[in-house]
Amino acid sequence: MLKRGHAHSQWLDPSLLHQTHSESLEDGTVLEVQARLSRTGATQLFLGIYSADGACIHERFYDQRPGETTTRALLWGLGRARRLAAEARQHGDWIINQ
């Protein structure tokens, strides 16, 4: 079970439909990326990185992804989450710069 952080509570709106992609890396790290359209039609994006035990390592909520469809935003977010995780593994810590 994932232990959600503050960014996820800002993101959460059960009335809005969203697309989700989740994957587990070889070390058990979980990446979760979600994209949706806001009530005003803006593409929004959430990305979360969680440790193997579900602890929140990094979360980010993008209120707008101008000019992107939800599919494009989801793909960008997945690439961003993978890069953040790879950089953290390379440096041996989970201090992630925004």
C-alpha atoms as a PDB file:
ATOM      1  CA  MET A   1       0.000   0.000   0.000  1.00  0.00           C
ATOM      2  CA  LEU A   2       1.356   3.403  -0.980  1.00  0.00           C
ATOM      3  CA  LYS A   3       1.722   6.023   1.731  1.00  0.00           C
ATOM      4  CA  ARG A   4       0.595   9.164  -0.073  1.00  0.00           C
ATOM      5  CA  GLY A   5       2.102  12.582   0.502  1.00  0.00           C
ATOM      6  CA  HIS A   6       0.749  16.130   0.391  1.00  0.00           C
ATOM      7  CA  ALA A   7       0.919  16.483  -3.401  1.00  0.00           C
ATOM      8  CA  HIS A   8      -1.406  13.502  -3.826  1.00  0.00           C
ATOM      9  CA  SER A   9      -3.997  15.076  -1.525  1.00  0.00           C
ATOM     10  CA  GLN A  10      -3.836  18.232  -3.698  1.00  0.00           C
ATOM     11  CA  TRP A  11      -4.302  16.073  -6.799  1.00  0.00           C
ATOM     12  CA  LEU A  12      -7.130  13.883  -5.532  1.00  0.00           C
ATOM     13  CA  ASP A  13     -10.531  14.560  -7.083  1.00  0.00           C
ATOM     14  CA  PRO A  14     -12.604  11.382  -7.528  1.00  0.00           C
ATOM     15  CA  SER A  15     -15.065  13.158  -9.822  1.00  0.00           C
ATOM     16  CA  LEU A  16     -12.433  13.615 -12.572  1.00  0.00           C
ATOM     17  CA  LEU A  17     -11.489  10.729 -14.844  1.00  0.00           C
ATOM     18  CA  HIS A  18      -7.801  10.075 -15.237  1.00  0.00           C
ATOM     19  CA  GLN A  19      -5.336   7.776 -16.973  1.00  0.00           C
ATOM     20  CA  THR A  20      -2.822   5.952 -14.766  1.00  0.00           C
ATOM     21  CA  HIS A  21       0.440   4.159 -15.400  1.00  0.00           C
ATOM     22  CA  SER A  22       2.179   2.295 -12.562  1.00  0.00           C
ATOM     23  CA  GLU A  23       5.322   0.258 -12.723  1.00  0.00           C
ATOM     24  CA  SER A  24       7.757  -1.346 -10.315  1.00  0.00           C
ATOM     25  CA  LEU A  25      11.486  -1.051 -10.895  1.00  0.00           C
ATOM     26  CA  GLU A  26      13.923  -3.898 -10.260  1.00  0.00           C
ATOM     27  CA  ASP A  27      14.706  -2.591  -6.744  1.00  0.00           C
ATOM     28  CA  GLY A  28      10.994  -2.480  -5.842  1.00  0.00           C
ATOM     29  CA  THR A  29      10.617   1.278  -6.305  1.00  0.00           C
ATOM     30  CA  VAL A  30       7.117   2.092  -7.562  1.00  0.00           C
ATOM     31  CA  LEU A  31       6.468   4.791 -10.148  1.00  0.00           C
ATOM     32  CA  GLU A  32       2.942   6.094 -10.544  1.00  0.00           C
ATOM     33  CA  VAL A  33       1.926   8.684 -13.132  1.00  0.00           C
ATOM     34  CA  GLN A  34      -1.598  10.009 -13.648  1.00  0.00           C
ATOM     35  CA  ALA A  35      -2.970  12.490 -16.186  1.00  0.00           C
ATOM     36  CA  ARG A  36      -6.401  14.067 -16.476  1.00  0.00           C
ATOM     37  CA  LEU A  37      -8.374  17.019 -17.777  1.00  0.00           C
ATOM     38  CA  SER A  38      -9.460  19.580 -15.191  1.00  0.00           C
ATOM     39  CA  ARG A  39     -12.979  20.975 -15.124  1.00  0.00           C
ATOM     40  CA  THR A  40     -11.719  23.881 -17.242  1.00  0.00           C
ATOM     41  CA  GLY A  41     -10.098  21.574 -19.826  1.00  0.00           C
ATOM     42  CA  ALA A  42      -6.468  21.953 -18.697  1.00  0.00           C
ATOM     43  CA  THR A  43      -4.270  18.863 -18.863  1.00  0.00           C
ATOM     44  CA  GLN A  44      -2.994  18.042 -15.369  1.00  0.00           C
ATOM     45  CA  LEU A  45      -0.321  15.581 -14.268  1.00  0.00           C
ATOM     46  CA  PHE A  46       0.652  13.789 -11.064  1.00  0.00           C
ATOM     47  CA  LEU A  47       3.787  11.759 -10.580  1.00  0.00           C
ATOM     48  CA  GLY A  48       4.751   9.761  -7.533  1.00  0.00           C
ATOM     49  CA  ILE A  49       7.798   7.722  -6.605  1.00  0.00           C
ATOM     50  CA  TYR A  50       7.478   5.308  -3.695  1.00  0.00           C
ATOM     51  CA  SER A  51       9.915   2.948  -2.003  1.00  0.00           C
ATOM     52  CA  ALA A  52       9.432  -0.816  -2.057  1.00  0.00           C
ATOM     53  CA  ASP A  53       7.645  -0.593   1.313  1.00  0.00           C
ATOM     54  CA  GLY A  54       5.284   2.099  -0.047  1.00  0.00           C
ATOM     55  CA  ALA A  55       6.859   5.149   1.613  1.00  0.00           C
ATOM     56  CA  CYS A  56       6.553   8.374  -0.352  1.00  0.00           C
ATOM     57  CA  ILE A  57       9.896   9.382  -1.840  1.00  0.00           C
ATOM     58  CA  HIS A  58       8.746  12.097  -4.227  1.00  0.00           C
ATOM     59  CA  GLU A  59       5.419  13.452  -5.454  1.00  0.00           C
ATOM     60  CA  ARG A  60       4.686  16.295  -7.826  1.00  0.00           C
ATOM     61  CA  PHE A  61       1.400  17.710  -9.110  1.00  0.00           C
ATOM     62  CA  TYR A  62       1.443  19.818 -12.279  1.00  0.00           C
ATOM     63  CA  ASP A  63      -1.674  22.004 -12.412  1.00  0.00           C
ATOM     64  CA  GLN A  64      -1.243  22.577 -16.149  1.00  0.00           C
ATOM     65  CA  ARG A  65       0.663  20.971 -19.023  1.00  0.00           C
ATOM     66  CA  PRO A  66      -0.100  23.545 -21.748  1.00  0.00           C
ATOM     67  CA  GLY A  67      -0.403  22.202 -25.270  1.00  0.00           C
ATOM     68  CA  GLU A  68      -0.284  18.548 -24.192  1.00  0.00           C
ATOM     69  CA  THR A  69      -2.945  15.879 -24.416  1.00  0.00           C
ATOM     70  CA  THR A  70      -3.390  13.616 -21.407  1.00  0.00           C
ATOM     71  CA  THR A  71      -1.591  10.844 -23.293  1.00  0.00           C
ATOM     72  CA  ARG A  72       1.391  13.074 -24.099  1.00  0.00           C
ATOM     73  CA  ALA A  73       1.505  14.350 -20.493  1.00  0.00           C
ATOM     74  CA  LEU A  74       1.385  10.777 -19.188  1.00  0.00           C
ATOM     75  CA  LEU A  75       4.325   9.795 -21.397  1.00  0.00           C
ATOM     76  CA  TRP A  76       6.322  12.862 -20.368  1.00  0.00           C
ATOM     77  CA  GLY A  77       5.578  12.184 -16.686  1.00  0.00           C
ATOM     78  CA  LEU A  78       6.645   8.562 -16.966  1.00  0.00           C
ATOM     79  CA  GLY A  79       9.939   9.593 -18.562  1.00  0.00           C
ATOM     80  CA  ARG A  80      10.466  12.213 -15.844  1.00  0.00           C
ATOM     81  CA  ALA A  81       9.755   9.713 -13.044  1.00  0.00           C
ATOM     82  CA  ARG A  82      12.147   7.172 -14.596  1.00  0.00           C
ATOM     83  CA  ARG A  83      14.901   9.821 -14.897  1.00  0.00           C
ATOM     84  CA  LEU A  84      14.434  10.952 -11.288  1.00  0.00           C
ATOM     85  CA  ALA A  85      14.617   7.363 -10.052  1.00  0.00           C
ATOM     86  CA  ALA A  86      17.714   6.609 -12.167  1.00  0.00           C
ATOM     87  CA  GLU A  87      19.497   9.763 -10.944  1.00  0.00           C
ATOM     88  CA  ALA A  88      18.719   8.919  -7.331  1.00  0.00           C
ATOM     89  CA  ARG A  89      20.054   5.379  -7.741  1.00  0.00           C
ATOM     90  CA  GLN A  90      23.186   6.708  -9.443  1.00  0.00           C
ATOM     91  CA  HIS A  91      23.883   9.105  -6.552  1.00  0.00           C
ATOM     92  CA  GLY A  92      22.875   6.550  -3.917  1.00  0.00           C
ATOM     93  CA  ASP A  93      20.227   8.705  -2.274  1.00  0.00           C
ATOM     94  CA  TRP A  94      16.696   9.939  -2.787  1.00  0.00           C
ATOM     95  CA  ILE A  95      17.326  13.663  -2.488  1.00  0.00           C
ATOM     96  CA  ILE A  96      15.509  14.831  -5.587  1.00  0.00           C
ATOM     97  CA  ASN A  97      15.717  18.391  -6.856  1.00  0.00           C
ATOM     98  CA  GLN A  98      12.564  19.822  -8.351  1.00  0.00           C
END
